[in-house]
Amino acid sequence: MKSPLLTLMLCAAGLATGGLETVQAAAQTVVHSAAQAGHSMPGMGMPGMDMPARPAKPLTSSLAVKALKLVQGWVSAAPPGAEELSAYVVLSNPGKVALTLTGVSTPTAGSAMLMTTARDAAGRESMQMTAAMKIPAGGTLKVLPGQAHLMLRKFGRQPQPGENVSVTLRFSDGSARTFSLPVRKLP
């Protein structure tokens, strides 16, 4: 990585030899370098360069999360006006590390959560929100009707059969993975 001072000198040289585009590219490098060092360099005296320093982007998906396979997945269609939809997935973890699913989100719904289905001693079913679902190393997580689901709520516009819903799953290691799930009617 170049030092900010060296990059500023390159900016000056670029202005003399490479024009404004070279200067702007070098200035962005200075801002990025300063951000990594925890400093802010707003403006730099150039139009369009009032960029706040930002830390480097976090890793969006660990190798273990990238290796997950979506065996099947869908969003269950509901009658018009329904306030909640359920999404289902079967995820296969071919890796040697267990993973923990800790959250779900989608731009389609205002809120989403992990839910499990429990039965009491009398056989009555109830849904319970859960903080996590385990995906064993070399194993499978089945989020299927009657067992568990991803609850999607507060729709701007309810998705219809034949459309796809983008669903992002978040994991305990800070990773996330997005899948496109078709909306379909249950038989």
C-alpha atoms as a PDB file:
ATOM      1  CA  MET A   1       0.000   0.000   0.000  1.00  0.00           C
ATOM      2  CA  LYS A   2       1.329   3.451  -0.881  1.00  0.00           C
ATOM      3  CA  SER A   3       1.649   6.051   1.848  1.00  0.00           C
ATOM      4  CA  PRO A   4      -0.812   8.988   1.622  1.00  0.00           C
ATOM      5  CA  LEU A   5       2.109  11.400   1.135  1.00  0.00           C
ATOM      6  CA  LEU A   6       3.490   9.385  -1.795  1.00  0.00           C
ATOM      7  CA  THR A   7       0.022   9.182  -3.322  1.00  0.00           C
ATOM      8  CA  LEU A   8      -0.417  12.965  -2.974  1.00  0.00           C
ATOM      9  CA  MET A   9       2.854  13.455  -4.811  1.00  0.00           C
ATOM     10  CA  LEU A  10       1.589  11.086  -7.512  1.00  0.00           C
ATOM     11  CA  CYS A  11      -1.598  13.174  -7.663  1.00  0.00           C
ATOM     12  CA  ALA A  12       0.452  16.270  -8.396  1.00  0.00           C
ATOM     13  CA  ALA A  13       2.455  14.402 -11.024  1.00  0.00           C
ATOM     14  CA  GLY A  14      -0.761  13.039 -12.523  1.00  0.00           C
ATOM     15  CA  LEU A  15      -2.200  16.520 -12.848  1.00  0.00           C
ATOM     16  CA  ALA A  16       0.840  17.514 -14.855  1.00  0.00           C
ATOM     17  CA  THR A  17       0.948  14.360 -16.991  1.00  0.00           C
ATOM     18  CA  GLY A  18      -2.292  12.407 -16.852  1.00  0.00           C
ATOM     19  CA  GLY A  19      -5.078  14.899 -16.406  1.00  0.00           C
ATOM     20  CA  LEU A  20      -7.987  15.117 -13.989  1.00  0.00           C
ATOM     21  CA  GLU A  21      -8.992  11.406 -14.195  1.00  0.00           C
ATOM     22  CA  THR A  22      -5.528  10.329 -13.030  1.00  0.00           C
ATOM     23  CA  VAL A  23      -5.644  12.852 -10.190  1.00  0.00           C
ATOM     24  CA  GLN A  24      -9.104  11.715  -9.097  1.00  0.00           C
ATOM     25  CA  ALA A  25      -8.064   8.028  -9.115  1.00  0.00           C
ATOM     26  CA  ALA A  26      -4.955   8.817  -7.076  1.00  0.00           C
ATOM     27  CA  ALA A  27      -6.979  10.988  -4.676  1.00  0.00           C
ATOM     28  CA  GLN A  28      -9.411   8.120  -4.094  1.00  0.00           C
ATOM     29  CA  THR A  29      -6.419   5.945  -3.229  1.00  0.00           C
ATOM     30  CA  VAL A  30      -5.334   8.581  -0.681  1.00  0.00           C
ATOM     31  CA  VAL A  31      -8.810   8.655   0.864  1.00  0.00           C
ATOM     32  CA  HIS A  32      -8.913   4.833   0.987  1.00  0.00           C
ATOM     33  CA  SER A  33      -5.419   4.680   2.539  1.00  0.00           C
ATOM     34  CA  ALA A  34      -6.390   7.285   5.118  1.00  0.00           C
ATOM     35  CA  ALA A  35      -9.584   5.392   5.911  1.00  0.00           C
ATOM     36  CA  GLN A  36      -7.631   2.227   6.610  1.00  0.00           C
ATOM     37  CA  ALA A  37      -5.416   4.221   8.973  1.00  0.00           C
ATOM     38  CA  GLY A  38      -8.525   5.650  10.685  1.00  0.00           C
ATOM     39  CA  HIS A  39      -8.230   9.192   9.279  1.00  0.00           C
ATOM     40  CA  SER A  40     -10.683  11.337   7.364  1.00  0.00           C
ATOM     41  CA  MET A  41      -9.683  13.412   4.332  1.00  0.00           C
ATOM     42  CA  PRO A  42     -12.817  15.239   3.192  1.00  0.00           C
ATOM     43  CA  GLY A  43     -12.692  17.411   0.120  1.00  0.00           C
ATOM     44  CA  MET A  44      -9.046  17.419  -0.829  1.00  0.00           C
ATOM     45  CA  GLY A  45      -9.929  20.666  -2.601  1.00  0.00           C
ATOM     46  CA  MET A  46     -11.462  18.890  -5.579  1.00  0.00           C
ATOM     47  CA  PRO A  47     -15.078  18.798  -6.788  1.00  0.00           C
ATOM     48  CA  GLY A  48     -16.754  15.451  -6.186  1.00  0.00           C
ATOM     49  CA  MET A  49     -14.080  14.296  -3.745  1.00  0.00           C
ATOM     50  CA  ASP A  50     -15.905  15.054  -0.462  1.00  0.00           C
ATOM     51  CA  MET A  51     -15.810  11.387   0.490  1.00  0.00           C
ATOM     52  CA  PRO A  52     -15.822  10.373   4.144  1.00  0.00           C
ATOM     53  CA  ALA A  53     -13.147   7.872   5.038  1.00  0.00           C
ATOM     54  CA  ARG A  54     -14.648   4.408   5.412  1.00  0.00           C
ATOM     55  CA  PRO A  55     -13.089   1.276   6.801  1.00  0.00           C
ATOM     56  CA  ALA A  56     -12.520  -1.557   4.365  1.00  0.00           C
ATOM     57  CA  LYS A  57     -15.658  -3.567   3.591  1.00  0.00           C
ATOM     58  CA  PRO A  58     -16.121  -6.614   5.804  1.00  0.00           C
ATOM     59  CA  LEU A  59     -16.033 -10.036   4.221  1.00  0.00           C
ATOM     60  CA  THR A  60     -19.571 -10.789   3.063  1.00  0.00           C
ATOM     61  CA  SER A  61     -19.302 -14.550   2.953  1.00  0.00           C
ATOM     62  CA  SER A  62     -16.867 -16.933   4.571  1.00  0.00           C
ATOM     63  CA  LEU A  63     -15.642 -19.879   2.524  1.00  0.00           C
ATOM     64  CA  ALA A  64     -17.825 -22.203   4.612  1.00  0.00           C
ATOM     65  CA  VAL A  65     -20.940 -20.120   3.882  1.00  0.00           C
ATOM     66  CA  LYS A  66     -20.036 -19.853   0.182  1.00  0.00           C
ATOM     67  CA  ALA A  67     -19.837 -23.661   0.062  1.00  0.00           C
ATOM     68  CA  LEU A  68     -23.448 -24.080   1.275  1.00  0.00           C
ATOM     69  CA  LYS A  69     -25.729 -25.669  -1.307  1.00  0.00           C
ATOM     70  CA  LEU A  70     -29.371 -24.716  -1.645  1.00  0.00           C
ATOM     71  CA  VAL A  71     -30.972 -28.124  -2.204  1.00  0.00           C
ATOM     72  CA  GLN A  72     -34.433 -26.602  -2.445  1.00  0.00           C
ATOM     73  CA  GLY A  73     -36.194 -23.424  -1.451  1.00  0.00           C
ATOM     74  CA  TRP A  74     -39.392 -21.515  -2.026  1.00  0.00           C
ATOM     75  CA  VAL A  75     -41.744 -18.909  -0.604  1.00  0.00           C
ATOM     76  CA  SER A  76     -45.251 -20.116   0.044  1.00  0.00           C
ATOM     77  CA  ALA A  77     -47.901 -18.037  -1.741  1.00  0.00           C
ATOM     78  CA  ALA A  78     -50.776 -16.734   0.357  1.00  0.00           C
ATOM     79  CA  PRO A  79     -54.189 -15.235  -0.354  1.00  0.00           C
ATOM     80  CA  PRO A  80     -54.233 -11.519  -1.248  1.00  0.00           C
ATOM     81  CA  GLY A  81     -53.959  -9.341   1.834  1.00  0.00           C
ATOM     82  CA  ALA A  82     -52.123 -11.937   3.926  1.00  0.00           C
ATOM     83  CA  GLU A  83     -49.727 -10.209   6.309  1.00  0.00           C
ATOM     84  CA  GLU A  84     -47.206 -13.041   6.516  1.00  0.00           C
ATOM     85  CA  LEU A  85     -45.565 -15.469   4.136  1.00  0.00           C
ATOM     86  CA  SER A  86     -43.372 -18.427   4.964  1.00  0.00           C
ATOM     87  CA  ALA A  87     -40.149 -19.263   3.176  1.00  0.00           C
ATOM     88  CA  TYR A  88     -38.590 -22.711   3.255  1.00  0.00           C
ATOM     89  CA  VAL A  89     -35.080 -23.916   2.479  1.00  0.00           C
ATOM     90  CA  VAL A  90     -33.028 -27.074   2.620  1.00  0.00           C
ATOM     91  CA  LEU A  91     -29.338 -26.242   2.946  1.00  0.00           C
ATOM     92  CA  SER A  92     -26.534 -28.766   2.579  1.00  0.00           C
ATOM     93  CA  ASN A  93     -23.232 -28.037   4.311  1.00  0.00           C
ATOM     94  CA  PRO A  94     -20.480 -30.005   2.528  1.00  0.00           C
ATOM     95  CA  GLY A  95     -17.787 -28.435   4.697  1.00  0.00           C
ATOM     96  CA  LYS A  96     -15.982 -29.615   7.798  1.00  0.00           C
ATOM     97  CA  VAL A  97     -17.224 -26.692   9.899  1.00  0.00           C
ATOM     98  CA  ALA A  98     -20.685 -26.462  11.460  1.00  0.00           C
ATOM     99  CA  LEU A  99     -22.531 -23.235  10.671  1.00  0.00           C
ATOM    100  CA  THR A 100     -25.141 -21.339  12.650  1.00  0.00           C
ATOM    101  CA  LEU A 101     -27.920 -19.474  10.849  1.00  0.00           C
ATOM    102  CA  THR A 102     -28.763 -16.419  12.978  1.00  0.00           C
ATOM    103  CA  GLY A 103     -30.981 -14.225  10.848  1.00  0.00           C
ATOM    104  CA  VAL A 104     -32.847 -13.592   7.644  1.00  0.00           C
ATOM    105  CA  SER A 105     -33.786 -10.483   5.681  1.00  0.00           C
ATOM    106  CA  THR A 106     -35.347  -9.593   2.362  1.00  0.00           C
ATOM    107  CA  PRO A 107     -36.004  -6.312   0.549  1.00  0.00           C
ATOM    108  CA  THR A 108     -39.494  -7.653  -0.199  1.00  0.00           C
ATOM    109  CA  ALA A 109     -40.660  -7.577   3.441  1.00  0.00           C
ATOM    110  CA  GLY A 110     -40.298  -5.104   6.279  1.00  0.00           C
ATOM    111  CA  SER A 111     -39.313  -7.829   8.712  1.00  0.00           C
ATOM    112  CA  ALA A 112     -38.207 -11.430   8.647  1.00  0.00           C
ATOM    113  CA  MET A 113     -37.385 -13.957  11.356  1.00  0.00           C
ATOM    114  CA  LEU A 114     -36.405 -17.544  12.016  1.00  0.00           C
ATOM    115  CA  MET A 115     -39.275 -19.644  13.345  1.00  0.00           C
ATOM    116  CA  THR A 116     -39.578 -23.187  14.635  1.00  0.00           C
ATOM    117  CA  THR A 117     -42.683 -25.289  15.160  1.00  0.00           C
ATOM    118  CA  ALA A 118     -43.142 -26.977  18.524  1.00  0.00           C
ATOM    119  CA  ARG A 119     -45.736 -29.451  19.765  1.00  0.00           C
ATOM    120  CA  ASP A 120     -46.842 -29.624  23.365  1.00  0.00           C
ATOM    121  CA  ALA A 121     -47.767 -32.808  25.257  1.00  0.00           C
ATOM    122  CA  ALA A 122     -51.337 -32.584  23.931  1.00  0.00           C
ATOM    123  CA  GLY A 123     -50.063 -32.424  20.333  1.00  0.00           C
ATOM    124  CA  ARG A 124     -50.919 -28.740  19.803  1.00  0.00           C
ATOM    125  CA  GLU A 125     -48.627 -26.887  17.410  1.00  0.00           C
ATOM    126  CA  SER A 126     -47.185 -23.482  18.130  1.00  0.00           C
ATOM    127  CA  MET A 127     -44.651 -21.314  16.370  1.00  0.00           C
ATOM    128  CA  GLN A 128     -41.726 -19.877  18.252  1.00  0.00           C
ATOM    129  CA  MET A 129     -39.136 -17.389  17.140  1.00  0.00           C
ATOM    130  CA  THR A 130     -35.615 -18.790  17.460  1.00  0.00           C
ATOM    131  CA  ALA A 131     -32.262 -17.017  17.581  1.00  0.00           C
ATOM    132  CA  ALA A 132     -30.348 -19.670  15.667  1.00  0.00           C
ATOM    133  CA  MET A 133     -30.501 -22.828  13.561  1.00  0.00           C
ATOM    134  CA  LYS A 134     -27.520 -25.186  13.321  1.00  0.00           C
ATOM    135  CA  ILE A 135     -26.207 -26.627  10.058  1.00  0.00           C
ATOM    136  CA  PRO A 136     -23.903 -29.502  11.032  1.00  0.00           C
ATOM    137  CA  ALA A 137     -20.617 -30.081   9.225  1.00  0.00           C
ATOM    138  CA  GLY A 138     -21.321 -32.498   6.392  1.00  0.00           C
ATOM    139  CA  GLY A 139     -25.032 -32.264   7.218  1.00  0.00           C
ATOM    140  CA  THR A 140     -28.276 -30.613   6.211  1.00  0.00           C
ATOM    141  CA  LEU A 141     -30.617 -28.009   7.673  1.00  0.00           C
ATOM    142  CA  LYS A 142     -34.254 -28.595   6.732  1.00  0.00           C
ATOM    143  CA  VAL A 143     -36.504 -25.585   7.168  1.00  0.00           C
ATOM    144  CA  LEU A 144     -39.717 -27.230   5.964  1.00  0.00           C
ATOM    145  CA  PRO A 145     -43.478 -26.999   6.623  1.00  0.00           C
ATOM    146  CA  GLY A 146     -44.398 -28.479   9.993  1.00  0.00           C
ATOM    147  CA  GLN A 147     -40.823 -28.106  11.291  1.00  0.00           C
ATOM    148  CA  ALA A 148     -39.579 -24.555  10.799  1.00  0.00           C
ATOM    149  CA  HIS A 149     -39.865 -21.602   8.450  1.00  0.00           C
ATOM    150  CA  LEU A 150     -38.535 -18.168   7.644  1.00  0.00           C
ATOM    151  CA  MET A 151     -41.368 -15.761   8.433  1.00  0.00           C
ATOM    152  CA  LEU A 152     -41.627 -12.773   6.104  1.00  0.00           C
ATOM    153  CA  ARG A 153     -43.879  -9.907   7.232  1.00  0.00           C
ATOM    154  CA  LYS A 154     -44.906  -6.340   6.362  1.00  0.00           C
ATOM    155  CA  PHE A 155     -44.970  -6.325   2.575  1.00  0.00           C
ATOM    156  CA  GLY A 156     -45.104  -3.230   0.409  1.00  0.00           C
ATOM    157  CA  ARG A 157     -46.462  -5.459  -2.344  1.00  0.00           C
ATOM    158  CA  GLN A 158     -47.103  -9.124  -1.756  1.00  0.00           C
ATOM    159  CA  PRO A 159     -45.086 -11.350  -4.126  1.00  0.00           C
ATOM    160  CA  GLN A 160     -47.145 -13.560  -6.439  1.00  0.00           C
ATOM    161  CA  PRO A 161     -46.666 -17.131  -7.707  1.00  0.00           C
ATOM    162  CA  GLY A 162     -44.074 -17.210 -10.475  1.00  0.00           C
ATOM    163  CA  GLU A 163     -42.051 -14.320  -9.009  1.00  0.00           C
ATOM    164  CA  ASN A 164     -38.792 -14.711  -7.108  1.00  0.00           C
ATOM    165  CA  VAL A 165     -37.935 -13.309  -3.686  1.00  0.00           C
ATOM    166  CA  SER A 166     -34.358 -12.483  -2.746  1.00  0.00           C
ATOM    167  CA  VAL A 167     -33.660 -13.803   0.772  1.00  0.00           C
ATOM    168  CA  THR A 168     -30.414 -13.095   2.630  1.00  0.00           C
ATOM    169  CA  LEU A 169     -29.366 -15.523   5.340  1.00  0.00           C
ATOM    170  CA  ARG A 170     -26.974 -14.277   8.057  1.00  0.00           C
ATOM    171  CA  PHE A 171     -24.603 -16.497  10.008  1.00  0.00           C
ATOM    172  CA  SER A 172     -22.877 -16.343  13.384  1.00  0.00           C
ATOM    173  CA  ASP A 173     -19.459 -15.758  11.772  1.00  0.00           C
ATOM    174  CA  GLY A 174     -20.742 -12.444  10.346  1.00  0.00           C
ATOM    175  CA  SER A 175     -21.185 -13.875   6.850  1.00  0.00           C
ATOM    176  CA  ALA A 176     -24.271 -13.551   4.698  1.00  0.00           C
ATOM    177  CA  ARG A 177     -25.526 -15.377   1.631  1.00  0.00           C
ATOM    178  CA  THR A 178     -28.399 -14.398  -0.657  1.00  0.00           C
ATOM    179  CA  PHE A 179     -30.641 -16.861  -2.462  1.00  0.00           C
ATOM    180  CA  SER A 180     -33.443 -16.258  -4.961  1.00  0.00           C
ATOM    181  CA  LEU A 181     -36.520 -18.271  -3.979  1.00  0.00           C
ATOM    182  CA  PRO A 182     -39.540 -18.781  -6.238  1.00  0.00           C
ATOM    183  CA  VAL A 183     -43.008 -18.019  -4.913  1.00  0.00           C
ATOM    184  CA  ARG A 184     -45.291 -21.009  -5.319  1.00  0.00           C
ATOM    185  CA  LYS A 185     -48.601 -22.363  -4.113  1.00  0.00           C
ATOM    186  CA  LEU A 186     -48.472 -25.315  -1.786  1.00  0.00           C
ATOM    187  CA  PRO A 187     -50.270 -28.419  -3.118  1.00  0.00           C
END
